[in-house]
Amino acid sequence: MELIYKCPECQKIIDYLEVTSLDEVELGFNILTEREKEDIIKKEADSIYVNVTCDECEKEYEWDELIYRQQLH
């Protein structure tokens, strides 16, 4: 099974792992609420997609947020 980390903004594949089972504790998913898991983890056939914003989109968001805040003042 593939565990694929993908940016939900630009759809870029950030990383992927081959896993034999989905161990939530080992992958750190156990700290998420059920709602958070529903929001970021999608299962399709033999693949599990985890939405994680990439560095480029995070920087873009920070710029957009900064510009937005400056426009409010």
PDB file of N, CA and C in Angstrom:
ATOM      1  N   MET A   1       0.843  -1.164   0.000  1.00  0.00           N
ATOM      2  CA  MET A   1       0.000   0.000   0.000  1.00  0.00           C
ATOM      3  C   MET A   1       0.895   1.235   0.000  1.00  0.00           C
ATOM      4  N   GLU A   2       0.460   2.258  -0.758  1.00  0.00           N
ATOM      5  CA  GLU A   2       1.220   3.504  -0.815  1.00  0.00           C
ATOM      6  C   GLU A   2       0.588   4.543   0.097  1.00  0.00           C
ATOM      7  N   LEU A   3       1.424   5.243   0.819  1.00  0.00           N
ATOM      8  CA  LEU A   3       1.023   6.381   1.632  1.00  0.00           C
ATOM      9  C   LEU A   3       1.623   7.596   0.937  1.00  0.00           C
ATOM     10  N   ILE A   4       0.750   8.443   0.379  1.00  0.00           N
ATOM     11  CA  ILE A   4       1.199   9.538  -0.460  1.00  0.00           C
ATOM     12  C   ILE A   4       0.859  10.862   0.211  1.00  0.00           C
ATOM     13  N   TYR A   5       1.882  11.676   0.428  1.00  0.00           N
ATOM     14  CA  TYR A   5       1.699  13.009   0.992  1.00  0.00           C
ATOM     15  C   TYR A   5       1.596  13.984  -0.176  1.00  0.00           C
ATOM     16  N   LYS A   6       0.441  14.662  -0.273  1.00  0.00           N
ATOM     17  CA  LYS A   6       0.157  15.512  -1.424  1.00  0.00           C
ATOM     18  C   LYS A   6      -0.334  16.878  -0.952  1.00  0.00           C
ATOM     19  N   CYS A   7       0.087  17.926  -1.646  1.00  0.00           N
ATOM     20  CA  CYS A   7      -0.360  19.277  -1.326  1.00  0.00           C
ATOM     21  C   CYS A   7      -1.770  19.472  -1.887  1.00  0.00           C
ATOM     22  N   PRO A   8      -2.728  19.844  -1.049  1.00  0.00           N
ATOM     23  CA  PRO A   8      -4.090  20.032  -1.538  1.00  0.00           C
ATOM     24  C   PRO A   8      -4.245  21.297  -2.389  1.00  0.00           C
ATOM     25  N   GLU A   9      -3.287  22.199  -2.314  1.00  0.00           N
ATOM     26  CA  GLU A   9      -3.367  23.451  -3.070  1.00  0.00           C
ATOM     27  C   GLU A   9      -2.879  23.284  -4.506  1.00  0.00           C
ATOM     28  N   CYS A  10      -1.656  22.772  -4.674  1.00  0.00           N
ATOM     29  CA  CYS A  10      -1.060  22.660  -6.011  1.00  0.00           C
ATOM     30  C   CYS A  10      -1.036  21.217  -6.539  1.00  0.00           C
ATOM     31  N   GLN A  11      -1.456  20.257  -5.711  1.00  0.00           N
ATOM     32  CA  GLN A  11      -1.515  18.835  -6.068  1.00  0.00           C
ATOM     33  C   GLN A  11      -0.141  18.179  -6.222  1.00  0.00           C
ATOM     34  N   LYS A  12       0.917  18.857  -5.788  1.00  0.00           N
ATOM     35  CA  LYS A  12       2.280  18.317  -5.869  1.00  0.00           C
ATOM     36  C   LYS A  12       2.426  17.155  -4.892  1.00  0.00           C
ATOM     37  N   ILE A  13       3.076  16.089  -5.338  1.00  0.00           N
ATOM     38  CA  ILE A  13       3.402  14.963  -4.460  1.00  0.00           C
ATOM     39  C   ILE A  13       4.635  15.363  -3.663  1.00  0.00           C
ATOM     40  N   ILE A  14       4.486  15.410  -2.349  1.00  0.00           N
ATOM     41  CA  ILE A  14       5.575  15.829  -1.474  1.00  0.00           C
ATOM     42  C   ILE A  14       6.470  14.646  -1.134  1.00  0.00           C
ATOM     43  N   ASP A  15       5.852  13.508  -0.842  1.00  0.00           N
ATOM     44  CA  ASP A  15       6.605  12.307  -0.490  1.00  0.00           C
ATOM     45  C   ASP A  15       5.664  11.113  -0.544  1.00  0.00           C
ATOM     46  N   TYR A  16       6.229   9.919  -0.566  1.00  0.00           N
ATOM     47  CA  TYR A  16       5.397   8.730  -0.489  1.00  0.00           C
ATOM     48  C   TYR A  16       6.172   7.612   0.200  1.00  0.00           C
ATOM     49  N   LEU A  17       5.424   6.735   0.817  1.00  0.00           N
ATOM     50  CA  LEU A  17       5.999   5.593   1.520  1.00  0.00           C
ATOM     51  C   LEU A  17       5.268   4.334   1.104  1.00  0.00           C
ATOM     52  N   GLU A  18       5.964   3.246   1.073  1.00  0.00           N
ATOM     53  CA  GLU A  18       5.337   1.936   0.913  1.00  0.00           C
ATOM     54  C   GLU A  18       5.123   1.386   2.314  1.00  0.00           C
ATOM     55  N   VAL A  19       3.885   1.101   2.686  1.00  0.00           N
ATOM     56  CA  VAL A  19       3.581   0.570   4.010  1.00  0.00           C
ATOM     57  C   VAL A  19       2.766  -0.707   3.864  1.00  0.00           C
ATOM     58  N   THR A  20       2.938  -1.601   4.815  1.00  0.00           N
ATOM     59  CA  THR A  20       2.173  -2.844   4.785  1.00  0.00           C
ATOM     60  C   THR A  20       0.833  -2.696   5.484  1.00  0.00           C
ATOM     61  N   SER A  21       0.765  -1.776   6.439  1.00  0.00           N
ATOM     62  CA  SER A  21      -0.494  -1.498   7.125  1.00  0.00           C
ATOM     63  C   SER A  21      -0.491  -0.058   7.613  1.00  0.00           C
ATOM     64  N   LEU A  22      -1.661   0.450   7.924  1.00  0.00           N
ATOM     65  CA  LEU A  22      -1.770   1.820   8.395  1.00  0.00           C
ATOM     66  C   LEU A  22      -1.739   1.824   9.912  1.00  0.00           C
ATOM     67  N   ASP A  23      -0.550   2.049  10.469  1.00  0.00           N
ATOM     68  CA  ASP A  23      -0.377   2.111  11.916  1.00  0.00           C
ATOM     69  C   ASP A  23      -0.449   3.577  12.327  1.00  0.00           C
ATOM     70  N   GLU A  24      -1.612   3.998  12.830  1.00  0.00           N
ATOM     71  CA  GLU A  24      -1.838   5.400  13.162  1.00  0.00           C
ATOM     72  C   GLU A  24      -0.851   5.943  14.187  1.00  0.00           C
ATOM     73  N   VAL A  25      -0.466   5.132  15.152  1.00  0.00           N
ATOM     74  CA  VAL A  25       0.476   5.579  16.178  1.00  0.00           C
ATOM     75  C   VAL A  25       1.854   5.799  15.547  1.00  0.00           C
ATOM     76  N   GLU A  26       2.307   4.846  14.772  1.00  0.00           N
ATOM     77  CA  GLU A  26       3.623   4.941  14.138  1.00  0.00           C
ATOM     78  C   GLU A  26       3.707   6.135  13.191  1.00  0.00           C
ATOM     79  N   LEU A  27       2.600   6.434  12.487  1.00  0.00           N
ATOM     80  CA  LEU A  27       2.585   7.538  11.530  1.00  0.00           C
ATOM     81  C   LEU A  27       2.221   8.875  12.160  1.00  0.00           C
ATOM     82  N   GLY A  28       1.839   8.847  13.444  1.00  0.00           N
ATOM     83  CA  GLY A  28       1.501  10.079  14.145  1.00  0.00           C
ATOM     84  C   GLY A  28       0.073  10.540  13.948  1.00  0.00           C
ATOM     85  N   PHE A  29      -0.767   9.730  13.311  1.00  0.00           N
ATOM     86  CA  PHE A  29      -2.155  10.103  13.063  1.00  0.00           C
ATOM     87  C   PHE A  29      -3.024   9.983  14.313  1.00  0.00           C
ATOM     88  N   ASN A  30      -2.526   9.310  15.325  1.00  0.00           N
ATOM     89  CA  ASN A  30      -3.308   9.104  16.547  1.00  0.00           C
ATOM     90  C   ASN A  30      -3.566  10.404  17.309  1.00  0.00           C
ATOM     91  N   ILE A  31      -2.787  11.443  17.040  1.00  0.00           N
ATOM     92  CA  ILE A  31      -2.986  12.716  17.743  1.00  0.00           C
ATOM     93  C   ILE A  31      -4.071  13.567  17.075  1.00  0.00           C
ATOM     94  N   LEU A  32      -4.535  13.147  15.911  1.00  0.00           N
ATOM     95  CA  LEU A  32      -5.572  13.881  15.192  1.00  0.00           C
ATOM     96  C   LEU A  32      -6.957  13.483  15.685  1.00  0.00           C
ATOM     97  N   THR A  33      -7.880  14.426  15.630  1.00  0.00           N
ATOM     98  CA  THR A  33      -9.272  14.104  15.934  1.00  0.00           C
ATOM     99  C   THR A  33      -9.860  13.371  14.727  1.00  0.00           C
ATOM    100  N   GLU A  34     -11.012  12.772  14.913  1.00  0.00           N
ATOM    101  CA  GLU A  34     -11.664  12.077  13.799  1.00  0.00           C
ATOM    102  C   GLU A  34     -11.974  13.060  12.676  1.00  0.00           C
ATOM    103  N   ARG A  35     -12.389  14.251  13.014  1.00  0.00           N
ATOM    104  CA  ARG A  35     -12.700  15.294  12.026  1.00  0.00           C
ATOM    105  C   ARG A  35     -11.448  15.675  11.238  1.00  0.00           C
ATOM    106  N   GLU A  36     -10.321  15.845  11.932  1.00  0.00           N
ATOM    107  CA  GLU A  36      -9.061  16.174  11.265  1.00  0.00           C
ATOM    108  C   GLU A  36      -8.643  15.048  10.330  1.00  0.00           C
ATOM    109  N   LYS A  37      -8.799  13.817  10.769  1.00  0.00           N
ATOM    110  CA  LYS A  37      -8.467  12.670   9.913  1.00  0.00           C
ATOM    111  C   LYS A  37      -9.317  12.678   8.657  1.00  0.00           C
ATOM    112  N   GLU A  38     -10.620  12.949   8.800  1.00  0.00           N
ATOM    113  CA  GLU A  38     -11.509  13.009   7.640  1.00  0.00           C
ATOM    114  C   GLU A  38     -11.077  14.103   6.678  1.00  0.00           C
ATOM    115  N   ASP A  39     -10.594  15.216   7.223  1.00  0.00           N
ATOM    116  CA  ASP A  39     -10.193  16.349   6.398  1.00  0.00           C
ATOM    117  C   ASP A  39      -8.902  16.112   5.626  1.00  0.00           C
ATOM    118  N   ILE A  40      -7.958  15.390   6.200  1.00  0.00           N
ATOM    119  CA  ILE A  40      -6.648  15.297   5.547  1.00  0.00           C
ATOM    120  C   ILE A  40      -6.289  13.918   5.001  1.00  0.00           C
ATOM    121  N   ILE A  41      -6.977  12.862   5.413  1.00  0.00           N
ATOM    122  CA  ILE A  41      -6.624  11.509   4.962  1.00  0.00           C
ATOM    123  C   ILE A  41      -7.721  10.967   4.055  1.00  0.00           C
ATOM    124  N   LYS A  42      -7.342  10.590   2.834  1.00  0.00           N
ATOM    125  CA  LYS A  42      -8.278  10.034   1.855  1.00  0.00           C
ATOM    126  C   LYS A  42      -7.760   8.670   1.406  1.00  0.00           C
ATOM    127  N   LYS A  43      -8.635   7.664   1.448  1.00  0.00           N
ATOM    128  CA  LYS A  43      -8.245   6.321   1.028  1.00  0.00           C
ATOM    129  C   LYS A  43      -8.858   6.026  -0.336  1.00  0.00           C
ATOM    130  N   GLU A  44      -8.000   5.543  -1.243  1.00  0.00           N
ATOM    131  CA  GLU A  44      -8.423   5.156  -2.583  1.00  0.00           C
ATOM    132  C   GLU A  44      -7.706   3.872  -2.974  1.00  0.00           C
ATOM    133  N   ALA A  45      -8.457   2.829  -3.200  1.00  0.00           N
ATOM    134  CA  ALA A  45      -7.908   1.533  -3.612  1.00  0.00           C
ATOM    135  C   ALA A  45      -6.716   1.139  -2.736  1.00  0.00           C
ATOM    136  N   ASP A  46      -5.519   1.029  -3.332  1.00  0.00           N
ATOM    137  CA  ASP A  46      -4.318   0.646  -2.586  1.00  0.00           C
ATOM    138  C   ASP A  46      -3.467   1.840  -2.181  1.00  0.00           C
ATOM    139  N   SER A  47      -4.069   3.032  -2.184  1.00  0.00           N
ATOM    140  CA  SER A  47      -3.321   4.244  -1.843  1.00  0.00           C
ATOM    141  C   SER A  47      -4.049   5.029  -0.759  1.00  0.00           C
ATOM    142  N   ILE A  48      -3.264   5.654   0.081  1.00  0.00           N
ATOM    143  CA  ILE A  48      -3.799   6.556   1.099  1.00  0.00           C
ATOM    144  C   ILE A  48      -3.130   7.902   0.864  1.00  0.00           C
ATOM    145  N   TYR A  49      -3.957   8.935   0.673  1.00  0.00           N
ATOM    146  CA  TYR A  49      -3.459  10.278   0.428  1.00  0.00           C
ATOM    147  C   TYR A  49      -3.583  11.102   1.696  1.00  0.00           C
ATOM    148  N   VAL A  50      -2.497  11.781   2.038  1.00  0.00           N
ATOM    149  CA  VAL A  50      -2.481  12.660   3.206  1.00  0.00           C
ATOM    150  C   VAL A  50      -2.225  14.070   2.701  1.00  0.00           C
ATOM    151  N   ASN A  51      -3.187  14.960   2.938  1.00  0.00           N
ATOM    152  CA  ASN A  51      -3.045  16.342   2.501  1.00  0.00           C
ATOM    153  C   ASN A  51      -2.142  17.103   3.461  1.00  0.00           C
ATOM    154  N   VAL A  52      -1.030  17.610   2.904  1.00  0.00           N
ATOM    155  CA  VAL A  52      -0.065  18.409   3.656  1.00  0.00           C
ATOM    156  C   VAL A  52       0.353  19.559   2.734  1.00  0.00           C
ATOM    157  N   THR A  53       0.204  20.779   3.191  1.00  0.00           N
ATOM    158  CA  THR A  53       0.559  21.930   2.370  1.00  0.00           C
ATOM    159  C   THR A  53       2.072  21.984   2.177  1.00  0.00           C
ATOM    160  N   CYS A  54       2.489  22.098   0.911  1.00  0.00           N
ATOM    161  CA  CYS A  54       3.926  22.142   0.607  1.00  0.00           C
ATOM    162  C   CYS A  54       4.506  23.490   1.010  1.00  0.00           C
ATOM    163  N   ASP A  55       5.824  23.560   1.072  1.00  0.00           N
ATOM    164  CA  ASP A  55       6.519  24.780   1.491  1.00  0.00           C
ATOM    165  C   ASP A  55       6.192  25.965   0.579  1.00  0.00           C
ATOM    166  N   GLU A  56       6.143  25.716  -0.737  1.00  0.00           N
ATOM    167  CA  GLU A  56       5.871  26.805  -1.684  1.00  0.00           C
ATOM    168  C   GLU A  56       4.475  27.392  -1.471  1.00  0.00           C
ATOM    169  N   CYS A  57       3.468  26.538  -1.294  1.00  0.00           N
ATOM    170  CA  CYS A  57       2.106  27.021  -1.075  1.00  0.00           C
ATOM    171  C   CYS A  57       1.965  27.670   0.293  1.00  0.00           C
ATOM    172  N   GLU A  58       2.701  27.177   1.264  1.00  0.00           N
ATOM    173  CA  GLU A  58       2.686  27.791   2.595  1.00  0.00           C
ATOM    174  C   GLU A  58       3.238  29.211   2.515  1.00  0.00           C
ATOM    175  N   LYS A  59       4.333  29.386   1.768  1.00  0.00           N
ATOM    176  CA  LYS A  59       4.906  30.723   1.599  1.00  0.00           C
ATOM    177  C   LYS A  59       3.928  31.628   0.866  1.00  0.00           C
ATOM    178  N   GLU A  60       3.276  31.090  -0.150  1.00  0.00           N
ATOM    179  CA  GLU A  60       2.274  31.847  -0.914  1.00  0.00           C
ATOM    180  C   GLU A  60       1.141  32.290   0.008  1.00  0.00           C
ATOM    181  N   TYR A  61       0.703  31.385   0.860  1.00  0.00           N
ATOM    182  CA  TYR A  61      -0.363  31.697   1.800  1.00  0.00           C
ATOM    183  C   TYR A  61       0.070  32.800   2.759  1.00  0.00           C
ATOM    184  N   GLU A  62       1.302  32.715   3.238  1.00  0.00           N
ATOM    185  CA  GLU A  62       1.806  33.732   4.150  1.00  0.00           C
ATOM    186  C   GLU A  62       1.831  35.096   3.476  1.00  0.00           C
ATOM    187  N   TRP A  63       2.234  35.148   2.207  1.00  0.00           N
ATOM    188  CA  TRP A  63       2.239  36.416   1.478  1.00  0.00           C
ATOM    189  C   TRP A  63       0.828  36.925   1.282  1.00  0.00           C
ATOM    190  N   ASP A  64      -0.090  36.039   0.888  1.00  0.00           N
ATOM    191  CA  ASP A  64      -1.489  36.429   0.695  1.00  0.00           C
ATOM    192  C   ASP A  64      -2.082  36.967   1.984  1.00  0.00           C
ATOM    193  N   GLU A  65      -1.784  36.306   3.085  1.00  0.00           N
ATOM    194  CA  GLU A  65      -2.291  36.729   4.394  1.00  0.00           C
ATOM    195  C   GLU A  65      -1.719  38.089   4.774  1.00  0.00           C
ATOM    196  N   LEU A  66      -0.428  38.284   4.542  1.00  0.00           N
ATOM    197  CA  LEU A  66       0.221  39.553   4.850  1.00  0.00           C
ATOM    198  C   LEU A  66      -0.392  40.694   4.032  1.00  0.00           C
ATOM    199  N   ILE A  67      -0.567  40.466   2.750  1.00  0.00           N
ATOM    200  CA  ILE A  67      -1.149  41.483   1.877  1.00  0.00           C
ATOM    201  C   ILE A  67      -2.575  41.792   2.299  1.00  0.00           C
ATOM    202  N   TYR A  68      -3.337  40.775   2.632  1.00  0.00           N
ATOM    203  CA  TYR A  68      -4.714  40.949   3.081  1.00  0.00           C
ATOM    204  C   TYR A  68      -4.761  41.809   4.352  1.00  0.00           C
ATOM    205  N   ARG A  69      -3.900  41.492   5.300  1.00  0.00           N
ATOM    206  CA  ARG A  69      -3.866  42.251   6.546  1.00  0.00           C
ATOM    207  C   ARG A  69      -3.474  43.706   6.313  1.00  0.00           C
ATOM    208  N   GLN A  70      -2.527  43.936   5.410  1.00  0.00           N
ATOM    209  CA  GLN A  70      -2.108  45.296   5.115  1.00  0.00           C
ATOM    210  C   GLN A  70      -3.226  46.093   4.451  1.00  0.00           C
ATOM    211  N   GLN A  71      -4.047  45.424   3.654  1.00  0.00           N
ATOM    212  CA  GLN A  71      -5.157  46.087   3.000  1.00  0.00           C
ATOM    213  C   GLN A  71      -6.233  46.492   3.990  1.00  0.00           C
ATOM    214  N   LEU A  72      -6.330  45.776   5.109  1.00  0.00           N
ATOM    215  CA  LEU A  72      -7.329  46.089   6.110  1.00  0.00           C
ATOM    216  C   LEU A  72      -6.962  47.332   6.904  1.00  0.00           C
ATOM    217  N   HIS A  73      -5.688  47.674   6.961  1.00  0.00           N
ATOM    218  CA  HIS A  73      -5.263  48.823   7.782  1.00  0.00           C
ATOM    219  C   HIS A  73      -5.325  50.093   7.008  1.00  0.00           C
TER     220      HIS A  73
END
